[in-house]
Amino acid sequence: MNRTVSSTIALVAISILTFGSLSPASATTETLSPAAQKQAQALVAESPELTESALVNDVEVYSASTGVSVESVLRQASSESAQSIEAASSSKKGKRTKKIGNAKHKGDVFVTPAFTGGVNHGHTGIYSAKPTIVEAPGTGKKSRSTSASSYKVPKKSYKMDVKTSQTKRNKAGSYAYNKLRGKKYSANFAVNKKTGSAKMNCSQLVWAAYKASVKIDLDGNGGLGVYPYNIKDSKHTHIYKTIK
């Protein structure tokens, strides 16, 4: 064995002894305080597709990049999740029997009731053209474009325009179509306000389309995460049709 190889092996051994496994361990709530554990577990219960390890990992990354403690992030995220459920509470579970139809403008958005594991956080998408929707449909599926003419939603769904120029709406619609299709799904809404993520959920995609292309923030409460009904309640959106 030559000296170079021996030195390399020694360095690897020292790294393992100093830092542990070269592969990052899965994050769990075991490293959190009891209060933070409770908040993390509540968030997972309110987002049935989200795993505990994925949540804690994303929160730890957010904490490291912002300097906000993990406990503070989880506390605020738990509050925002509860607010999202409350905002959606007037919408009852129903079958998707109503065709949503074309938009008035390119760049319009919609919000519709959507239940996962009995929890309603809603669903949202953006019109990349009057007859075309771009959305992140859910776990196991990539973000896509689909025809609005055959797209079905439950009652009490909302079609909205964004209070800006048509030029900016066009840019957001085109950005969604050109940049945000084909992404894997993320079940983490708690800290999802990132425009360049490899994985996205529905409200993150709509938010990113406007934020990245024309610097408009559609998050209605300005929190750590953006949920579908935050977009409905944003000062930047205007409901022009309620589907009954």
C-alpha atoms as a PDB file:
ATOM      1  CA  MET A   1       0.000   0.000   0.000  1.00  0.00           C
ATOM      2  CA  ASN A   2       1.596   3.324  -1.020  1.00  0.00           C
ATOM      3  CA  ARG A   3       1.906   6.382   1.212  1.00  0.00           C
ATOM      4  CA  THR A   4      -0.854   8.359  -0.608  1.00  0.00           C
ATOM      5  CA  VAL A   5      -3.444   5.617  -0.148  1.00  0.00           C
ATOM      6  CA  SER A   6      -2.433   5.141   3.495  1.00  0.00           C
ATOM      7  CA  SER A   7      -2.823   8.881   4.130  1.00  0.00           C
ATOM      8  CA  THR A   8      -6.248   8.929   2.485  1.00  0.00           C
ATOM      9  CA  ILE A   9      -7.496   6.022   4.600  1.00  0.00           C
ATOM     10  CA  ALA A  10      -6.184   7.691   7.727  1.00  0.00           C
ATOM     11  CA  LEU A  11      -8.002  10.929   6.902  1.00  0.00           C
ATOM     12  CA  VAL A  12     -11.266   9.079   6.281  1.00  0.00           C
ATOM     13  CA  ALA A  13     -10.891   7.209   9.574  1.00  0.00           C
ATOM     14  CA  ILE A  14     -10.279  10.462  11.453  1.00  0.00           C
ATOM     15  CA  SER A  15     -13.337  12.038   9.773  1.00  0.00           C
ATOM     16  CA  ILE A  16     -15.556   9.166  10.839  1.00  0.00           C
ATOM     17  CA  LEU A  17     -14.255   9.222  14.399  1.00  0.00           C
ATOM     18  CA  THR A  18     -14.696  12.996  14.606  1.00  0.00           C
ATOM     19  CA  PHE A  19     -17.995  13.520  12.807  1.00  0.00           C
ATOM     20  CA  GLY A  20     -19.614  10.085  12.758  1.00  0.00           C
ATOM     21  CA  SER A  21     -20.932   8.431   9.603  1.00  0.00           C
ATOM     22  CA  LEU A  22     -20.102  10.120   6.299  1.00  0.00           C
ATOM     23  CA  SER A  23     -23.792   9.827   5.392  1.00  0.00           C
ATOM     24  CA  PRO A  24     -26.128  12.215   7.263  1.00  0.00           C
ATOM     25  CA  ALA A  25     -28.372  10.472   9.759  1.00  0.00           C
ATOM     26  CA  SER A  26     -32.118  10.792   9.412  1.00  0.00           C
ATOM     27  CA  ALA A  27     -33.430  13.646  11.536  1.00  0.00           C
ATOM     28  CA  THR A  28     -35.881  12.735  14.285  1.00  0.00           C
ATOM     29  CA  THR A  29     -37.736  14.506  17.062  1.00  0.00           C
ATOM     30  CA  GLU A  30     -35.586  12.686  19.649  1.00  0.00           C
ATOM     31  CA  THR A  31     -33.060  15.542  19.584  1.00  0.00           C
ATOM     32  CA  LEU A  32     -35.735  18.172  20.273  1.00  0.00           C
ATOM     33  CA  SER A  33     -37.027  19.557  23.545  1.00  0.00           C
ATOM     34  CA  PRO A  34     -40.329  18.066  24.790  1.00  0.00           C
ATOM     35  CA  ALA A  35     -42.239  21.199  23.712  1.00  0.00           C
ATOM     36  CA  ALA A  36     -40.665  21.148  20.240  1.00  0.00           C
ATOM     37  CA  GLN A  37     -41.357  17.413  19.920  1.00  0.00           C
ATOM     38  CA  LYS A  38     -45.019  18.062  20.655  1.00  0.00           C
ATOM     39  CA  GLN A  39     -45.216  20.800  18.020  1.00  0.00           C
ATOM     40  CA  ALA A  40     -43.449  18.656  15.421  1.00  0.00           C
ATOM     41  CA  GLN A  41     -45.782  15.738  16.086  1.00  0.00           C
ATOM     42  CA  ALA A  42     -48.810  18.053  15.813  1.00  0.00           C
ATOM     43  CA  LEU A  43     -47.566  19.344  12.458  1.00  0.00           C
ATOM     44  CA  VAL A  44     -47.145  15.810  11.131  1.00  0.00           C
ATOM     45  CA  ALA A  45     -50.656  14.926  12.338  1.00  0.00           C
ATOM     46  CA  GLU A  46     -52.033  17.972  10.497  1.00  0.00           C
ATOM     47  CA  SER A  47     -50.108  17.081   7.315  1.00  0.00           C
ATOM     48  CA  PRO A  48     -50.666  13.319   6.992  1.00  0.00           C
ATOM     49  CA  GLU A  49     -48.339  12.895   3.992  1.00  0.00           C
ATOM     50  CA  LEU A  50     -45.421  14.538   5.816  1.00  0.00           C
ATOM     51  CA  THR A  51     -42.925  12.353   7.658  1.00  0.00           C
ATOM     52  CA  GLU A  52     -41.392  13.342  10.972  1.00  0.00           C
ATOM     53  CA  SER A  53     -37.835  13.034   9.655  1.00  0.00           C
ATOM     54  CA  ALA A  54     -38.546  15.195   6.582  1.00  0.00           C
ATOM     55  CA  LEU A  55     -40.125  17.906   8.719  1.00  0.00           C
ATOM     56  CA  VAL A  56     -37.304  18.015  11.267  1.00  0.00           C
ATOM     57  CA  ASN A  57     -34.652  17.970   8.550  1.00  0.00           C
ATOM     58  CA  ASP A  58     -36.222  20.913   6.674  1.00  0.00           C
ATOM     59  CA  VAL A  59     -36.760  22.871   9.885  1.00  0.00           C
ATOM     60  CA  GLU A  60     -33.138  22.312  10.941  1.00  0.00           C
ATOM     61  CA  VAL A  61     -31.908  23.513   7.536  1.00  0.00           C
ATOM     62  CA  TYR A  62     -34.141  26.590   7.793  1.00  0.00           C
ATOM     63  CA  SER A  63     -32.933  27.252  11.336  1.00  0.00           C
ATOM     64  CA  ALA A  64     -29.281  26.994  10.314  1.00  0.00           C
ATOM     65  CA  SER A  65     -29.750  29.394   7.383  1.00  0.00           C
ATOM     66  CA  THR A  66     -31.721  32.031   9.314  1.00  0.00           C
ATOM     67  CA  GLY A  67     -30.400  31.813  12.853  1.00  0.00           C
ATOM     68  CA  VAL A  68     -33.914  31.273  14.216  1.00  0.00           C
ATOM     69  CA  SER A  69     -34.018  28.438  16.750  1.00  0.00           C
ATOM     70  CA  VAL A  70     -35.595  25.117  15.790  1.00  0.00           C
ATOM     71  CA  GLU A  71     -38.039  25.508  18.678  1.00  0.00           C
ATOM     72  CA  SER A  72     -39.142  28.959  17.443  1.00  0.00           C
ATOM     73  CA  VAL A  73     -39.565  27.725  13.878  1.00  0.00           C
ATOM     74  CA  LEU A  74     -41.690  24.775  14.996  1.00  0.00           C
ATOM     75  CA  ARG A  75     -43.787  26.974  17.277  1.00  0.00           C
ATOM     76  CA  GLN A  76     -44.587  29.417  14.467  1.00  0.00           C
ATOM     77  CA  ALA A  77     -45.100  26.643  11.913  1.00  0.00           C
ATOM     78  CA  SER A  78     -47.540  24.875  14.237  1.00  0.00           C
ATOM     79  CA  SER A  79     -49.514  28.104  14.640  1.00  0.00           C
ATOM     80  CA  GLU A  80     -49.621  28.672  10.870  1.00  0.00           C
ATOM     81  CA  SER A  81     -50.824  25.124  10.225  1.00  0.00           C
ATOM     82  CA  ALA A  82     -53.685  25.631  12.675  1.00  0.00           C
ATOM     83  CA  GLN A  83     -54.540  28.933  10.967  1.00  0.00           C
ATOM     84  CA  SER A  84     -54.618  27.190   7.588  1.00  0.00           C
ATOM     85  CA  ILE A  85     -57.047  24.560   8.847  1.00  0.00           C
ATOM     86  CA  GLU A  86     -59.233  27.278  10.370  1.00  0.00           C
ATOM     87  CA  ALA A  87     -59.232  29.274   7.111  1.00  0.00           C
ATOM     88  CA  ALA A  88     -60.348  26.168   5.214  1.00  0.00           C
ATOM     89  CA  SER A  89     -62.956  25.133   7.785  1.00  0.00           C
ATOM     90  CA  SER A  90     -65.903  26.723   5.974  1.00  0.00           C
ATOM     91  CA  SER A  91     -65.334  24.341   3.051  1.00  0.00           C
ATOM     92  CA  LYS A  92     -66.852  20.894   3.447  1.00  0.00           C
ATOM     93  CA  LYS A  93     -65.574  17.706   1.912  1.00  0.00           C
ATOM     94  CA  GLY A  94     -67.229  17.055  -1.414  1.00  0.00           C
ATOM     95  CA  LYS A  95     -66.784  15.217  -4.675  1.00  0.00           C
ATOM     96  CA  ARG A  96     -64.929  16.826  -7.545  1.00  0.00           C
ATOM     97  CA  THR A  97     -67.902  17.191  -9.859  1.00  0.00           C
ATOM     98  CA  LYS A  98     -67.617  20.788 -11.102  1.00  0.00           C
ATOM     99  CA  LYS A  99     -65.502  21.691 -14.125  1.00  0.00           C
ATOM    100  CA  ILE A 100     -63.347  24.672 -13.267  1.00  0.00           C
ATOM    101  CA  GLY A 101     -63.126  25.953 -16.835  1.00  0.00           C
ATOM    102  CA  ASN A 102     -60.925  28.580 -18.419  1.00  0.00           C
ATOM    103  CA  ALA A 103     -59.478  31.610 -16.658  1.00  0.00           C
ATOM    104  CA  LYS A 104     -60.293  35.236 -17.400  1.00  0.00           C
ATOM    105  CA  HIS A 105     -56.583  35.957 -17.722  1.00  0.00           C
ATOM    106  CA  LYS A 106     -53.297  34.151 -18.069  1.00  0.00           C
ATOM    107  CA  GLY A 107     -51.709  34.112 -14.604  1.00  0.00           C
ATOM    108  CA  ASP A 108     -54.980  33.678 -12.703  1.00  0.00           C
ATOM    109  CA  VAL A 109     -55.003  31.263  -9.761  1.00  0.00           C
ATOM    110  CA  PHE A 110     -57.539  29.010  -8.061  1.00  0.00           C
ATOM    111  CA  VAL A 111     -58.046  27.559  -4.591  1.00  0.00           C
ATOM    112  CA  THR A 112     -60.195  24.532  -3.909  1.00  0.00           C
ATOM    113  CA  PRO A 113     -61.019  22.329  -0.896  1.00  0.00           C
ATOM    114  CA  ALA A 114     -58.727  19.302  -0.670  1.00  0.00           C
ATOM    115  CA  PHE A 115     -58.608  16.784   2.165  1.00  0.00           C
ATOM    116  CA  THR A 116     -55.682  14.525   3.036  1.00  0.00           C
ATOM    117  CA  GLY A 117     -56.235  12.064   5.847  1.00  0.00           C
ATOM    118  CA  GLY A 118     -59.303  14.027   6.883  1.00  0.00           C
ATOM    119  CA  VAL A 119     -57.393  17.333   7.083  1.00  0.00           C
ATOM    120  CA  ASN A 120     -58.332  20.188   4.734  1.00  0.00           C
ATOM    121  CA  HIS A 121     -55.479  22.511   3.824  1.00  0.00           C
ATOM    122  CA  GLY A 122     -56.876  23.035   0.330  1.00  0.00           C
ATOM    123  CA  HIS A 123     -55.257  22.912  -3.102  1.00  0.00           C
ATOM    124  CA  THR A 124     -54.179  25.616  -5.521  1.00  0.00           C
ATOM    125  CA  GLY A 125     -52.885  26.018  -9.051  1.00  0.00           C
ATOM    126  CA  ILE A 126     -52.057  28.704 -11.599  1.00  0.00           C
ATOM    127  CA  TYR A 127     -53.253  29.269 -15.154  1.00  0.00           C
ATOM    128  CA  SER A 128     -50.241  29.318 -17.461  1.00  0.00           C
ATOM    129  CA  ALA A 129     -52.708  30.228 -20.202  1.00  0.00           C
ATOM    130  CA  LYS A 130     -56.464  30.779 -20.113  1.00  0.00           C
ATOM    131  CA  PRO A 131     -57.184  27.095 -20.922  1.00  0.00           C
ATOM    132  CA  THR A 132     -54.185  25.553 -19.110  1.00  0.00           C
ATOM    133  CA  ILE A 133     -53.459  24.891 -15.430  1.00  0.00           C
ATOM    134  CA  VAL A 134     -50.062  24.217 -13.843  1.00  0.00           C
ATOM    135  CA  GLU A 135     -50.185  22.454 -10.482  1.00  0.00           C
ATOM    136  CA  ALA A 136     -48.370  20.174  -8.062  1.00  0.00           C
ATOM    137  CA  PRO A 137     -51.058  17.477  -7.753  1.00  0.00           C
ATOM    138  CA  GLY A 138     -49.792  15.505  -4.754  1.00  0.00           C
ATOM    139  CA  THR A 139     -47.575  12.794  -3.330  1.00  0.00           C
ATOM    140  CA  GLY A 140     -45.985  10.493  -5.883  1.00  0.00           C
ATOM    141  CA  LYS A 141     -46.737  12.843  -8.783  1.00  0.00           C
ATOM    142  CA  LYS A 142     -44.680  15.523 -10.494  1.00  0.00           C
ATOM    143  CA  SER A 143     -45.923  19.044 -11.126  1.00  0.00           C
ATOM    144  CA  ARG A 144     -47.640  19.244 -14.481  1.00  0.00           C
ATOM    145  CA  SER A 145     -49.805  21.192 -16.885  1.00  0.00           C
ATOM    146  CA  THR A 146     -53.354  20.059 -17.561  1.00  0.00           C
ATOM    147  CA  SER A 147     -56.449  21.206 -19.434  1.00  0.00           C
ATOM    148  CA  ALA A 148     -58.784  23.501 -17.503  1.00  0.00           C
ATOM    149  CA  SER A 149     -61.780  22.384 -19.554  1.00  0.00           C
ATOM    150  CA  SER A 150     -61.769  18.897 -18.015  1.00  0.00           C
ATOM    151  CA  TYR A 151     -60.357  19.781 -14.583  1.00  0.00           C
ATOM    152  CA  LYS A 152     -62.906  19.031 -11.857  1.00  0.00           C
ATOM    153  CA  VAL A 153     -63.149  20.594  -8.400  1.00  0.00           C
ATOM    154  CA  PRO A 154     -65.576  20.434  -5.450  1.00  0.00           C
ATOM    155  CA  LYS A 155     -68.090  23.113  -4.605  1.00  0.00           C
ATOM    156  CA  LYS A 156     -66.813  26.281  -2.929  1.00  0.00           C
ATOM    157  CA  SER A 157     -63.754  26.529  -5.116  1.00  0.00           C
ATOM    158  CA  TYR A 158     -62.478  29.980  -6.057  1.00  0.00           C
ATOM    159  CA  LYS A 159     -61.043  31.464  -9.236  1.00  0.00           C
ATOM    160  CA  MET A 160     -58.975  34.608  -8.720  1.00  0.00           C
ATOM    161  CA  ASP A 161     -56.915  37.141 -10.554  1.00  0.00           C
ATOM    162  CA  VAL A 162     -53.846  38.812  -9.113  1.00  0.00           C
ATOM    163  CA  LYS A 163     -54.037  42.571  -8.625  1.00  0.00           C
ATOM    164  CA  THR A 164     -51.267  43.588 -10.976  1.00  0.00           C
ATOM    165  CA  SER A 165     -50.714  44.349 -14.652  1.00  0.00           C
ATOM    166  CA  GLN A 166     -51.462  41.748 -17.288  1.00  0.00           C
ATOM    167  CA  THR A 167     -47.807  41.894 -18.289  1.00  0.00           C
ATOM    168  CA  LYS A 168     -46.822  40.637 -14.835  1.00  0.00           C
ATOM    169  CA  ARG A 169     -49.574  38.009 -14.817  1.00  0.00           C
ATOM    170  CA  ASN A 170     -48.267  36.765 -18.158  1.00  0.00           C
ATOM    171  CA  LYS A 171     -44.737  36.502 -16.770  1.00  0.00           C
ATOM    172  CA  ALA A 172     -45.928  34.483 -13.762  1.00  0.00           C
ATOM    173  CA  GLY A 173     -47.992  32.142 -15.934  1.00  0.00           C
ATOM    174  CA  SER A 174     -45.096  31.583 -18.319  1.00  0.00           C
ATOM    175  CA  TYR A 175     -42.675  31.040 -15.429  1.00  0.00           C
ATOM    176  CA  ALA A 176     -44.917  28.337 -13.990  1.00  0.00           C
ATOM    177  CA  TYR A 177     -45.140  26.563 -17.342  1.00  0.00           C
ATOM    178  CA  ASN A 178     -41.472  26.876 -18.299  1.00  0.00           C
ATOM    179  CA  LYS A 179     -39.744  26.509 -14.920  1.00  0.00           C
ATOM    180  CA  LEU A 180     -42.020  24.754 -12.447  1.00  0.00           C
ATOM    181  CA  ARG A 181     -43.318  21.662 -14.243  1.00  0.00           C
ATOM    182  CA  GLY A 182     -41.750  18.251 -13.684  1.00  0.00           C
ATOM    183  CA  LYS A 183     -40.849  18.783 -10.031  1.00  0.00           C
ATOM    184  CA  LYS A 184     -41.313  16.042  -7.453  1.00  0.00           C
ATOM    185  CA  TYR A 185     -43.825  16.683  -4.682  1.00  0.00           C
ATOM    186  CA  SER A 186     -42.956  17.969  -1.217  1.00  0.00           C
ATOM    187  CA  ALA A 187     -45.420  17.367   1.613  1.00  0.00           C
ATOM    188  CA  ASN A 188     -43.793  20.020   3.816  1.00  0.00           C
ATOM    189  CA  PHE A 189     -45.788  23.267   3.878  1.00  0.00           C
ATOM    190  CA  ALA A 190     -44.208  24.440   7.153  1.00  0.00           C
ATOM    191  CA  VAL A 191     -41.126  26.113   5.626  1.00  0.00           C
ATOM    192  CA  ASN A 192     -41.854  25.980   1.899  1.00  0.00           C
ATOM    193  CA  LYS A 193     -41.181  29.566   0.755  1.00  0.00           C
ATOM    194  CA  LYS A 194     -38.269  28.776  -1.556  1.00  0.00           C
ATOM    195  CA  THR A 195     -38.464  29.524  -5.274  1.00  0.00           C
ATOM    196  CA  GLY A 196     -35.746  27.146  -6.472  1.00  0.00           C
ATOM    197  CA  SER A 197     -36.654  23.919  -4.694  1.00  0.00           C
ATOM    198  CA  ALA A 198     -36.245  20.601  -6.485  1.00  0.00           C
ATOM    199  CA  LYS A 199     -39.486  19.489  -4.805  1.00  0.00           C
ATOM    200  CA  MET A 200     -42.605  21.645  -4.466  1.00  0.00           C
ATOM    201  CA  ASN A 201     -46.144  21.486  -3.141  1.00  0.00           C
ATOM    202  CA  CYS A 202     -49.155  23.201  -4.668  1.00  0.00           C
ATOM    203  CA  SER A 203     -49.100  26.523  -2.833  1.00  0.00           C
ATOM    204  CA  GLN A 204     -45.312  26.747  -3.027  1.00  0.00           C
ATOM    205  CA  LEU A 205     -45.526  26.415  -6.818  1.00  0.00           C
ATOM    206  CA  VAL A 206     -48.123  29.189  -7.190  1.00  0.00           C
ATOM    207  CA  TRP A 207     -46.268  31.401  -4.724  1.00  0.00           C
ATOM    208  CA  ALA A 208     -42.932  30.794  -6.486  1.00  0.00           C
ATOM    209  CA  ALA A 209     -44.385  31.611  -9.916  1.00  0.00           C
ATOM    210  CA  TYR A 210     -45.198  35.154  -8.814  1.00  0.00           C
ATOM    211  CA  LYS A 211     -42.341  35.654  -6.352  1.00  0.00           C
ATOM    212  CA  ALA A 212     -39.591  34.515  -8.716  1.00  0.00           C
ATOM    213  CA  SER A 213     -40.899  36.184 -11.868  1.00  0.00           C
ATOM    214  CA  VAL A 214     -42.349  39.528 -10.700  1.00  0.00           C
ATOM    215  CA  LYS A 215     -41.494  39.773  -6.965  1.00  0.00           C
ATOM    216  CA  ILE A 216     -45.121  39.559  -5.780  1.00  0.00           C
ATOM    217  CA  ASP A 217     -45.571  37.648  -2.504  1.00  0.00           C
ATOM    218  CA  LEU A 218     -48.959  35.899  -2.508  1.00  0.00           C
ATOM    219  CA  ASP A 219     -48.637  34.631   1.069  1.00  0.00           C
ATOM    220  CA  GLY A 220     -51.534  36.287   2.864  1.00  0.00           C
ATOM    221  CA  ASN A 221     -50.044  36.152   6.366  1.00  0.00           C
ATOM    222  CA  GLY A 222     -46.333  36.480   5.620  1.00  0.00           C
ATOM    223  CA  GLY A 223     -45.408  33.392   7.637  1.00  0.00           C
ATOM    224  CA  LEU A 224     -42.698  30.770   7.272  1.00  0.00           C
ATOM    225  CA  GLY A 225     -44.867  28.646   4.990  1.00  0.00           C
ATOM    226  CA  VAL A 226     -47.507  29.415   2.391  1.00  0.00           C
ATOM    227  CA  TYR A 227     -50.731  27.371   2.331  1.00  0.00           C
ATOM    228  CA  PRO A 228     -53.481  27.432  -0.340  1.00  0.00           C
ATOM    229  CA  TYR A 229     -55.911  29.527   1.695  1.00  0.00           C
ATOM    230  CA  ASN A 230     -53.121  32.047   2.413  1.00  0.00           C
ATOM    231  CA  ILE A 231     -53.217  32.720  -1.327  1.00  0.00           C
ATOM    232  CA  LYS A 232     -57.001  33.072  -1.321  1.00  0.00           C
ATOM    233  CA  ASP A 233     -56.769  35.552   1.563  1.00  0.00           C
ATOM    234  CA  SER A 234     -53.847  37.513   0.120  1.00  0.00           C
ATOM    235  CA  LYS A 235     -54.234  41.263  -0.401  1.00  0.00           C
ATOM    236  CA  HIS A 236     -52.921  40.639  -3.915  1.00  0.00           C
ATOM    237  CA  THR A 237     -55.719  38.300  -5.050  1.00  0.00           C
ATOM    238  CA  HIS A 238     -59.308  39.022  -6.044  1.00  0.00           C
ATOM    239  CA  ILE A 239     -62.030  36.372  -6.277  1.00  0.00           C
ATOM    240  CA  TYR A 240     -64.025  36.745  -9.471  1.00  0.00           C
ATOM    241  CA  LYS A 241     -65.824  33.414  -9.391  1.00  0.00           C
ATOM    242  CA  THR A 242     -67.006  31.080  -6.640  1.00  0.00           C
ATOM    243  CA  ILE A 243     -67.943  27.635  -7.929  1.00  0.00           C
ATOM    244  CA  LYS A 244     -71.183  26.537  -6.272  1.00  0.00           C
END
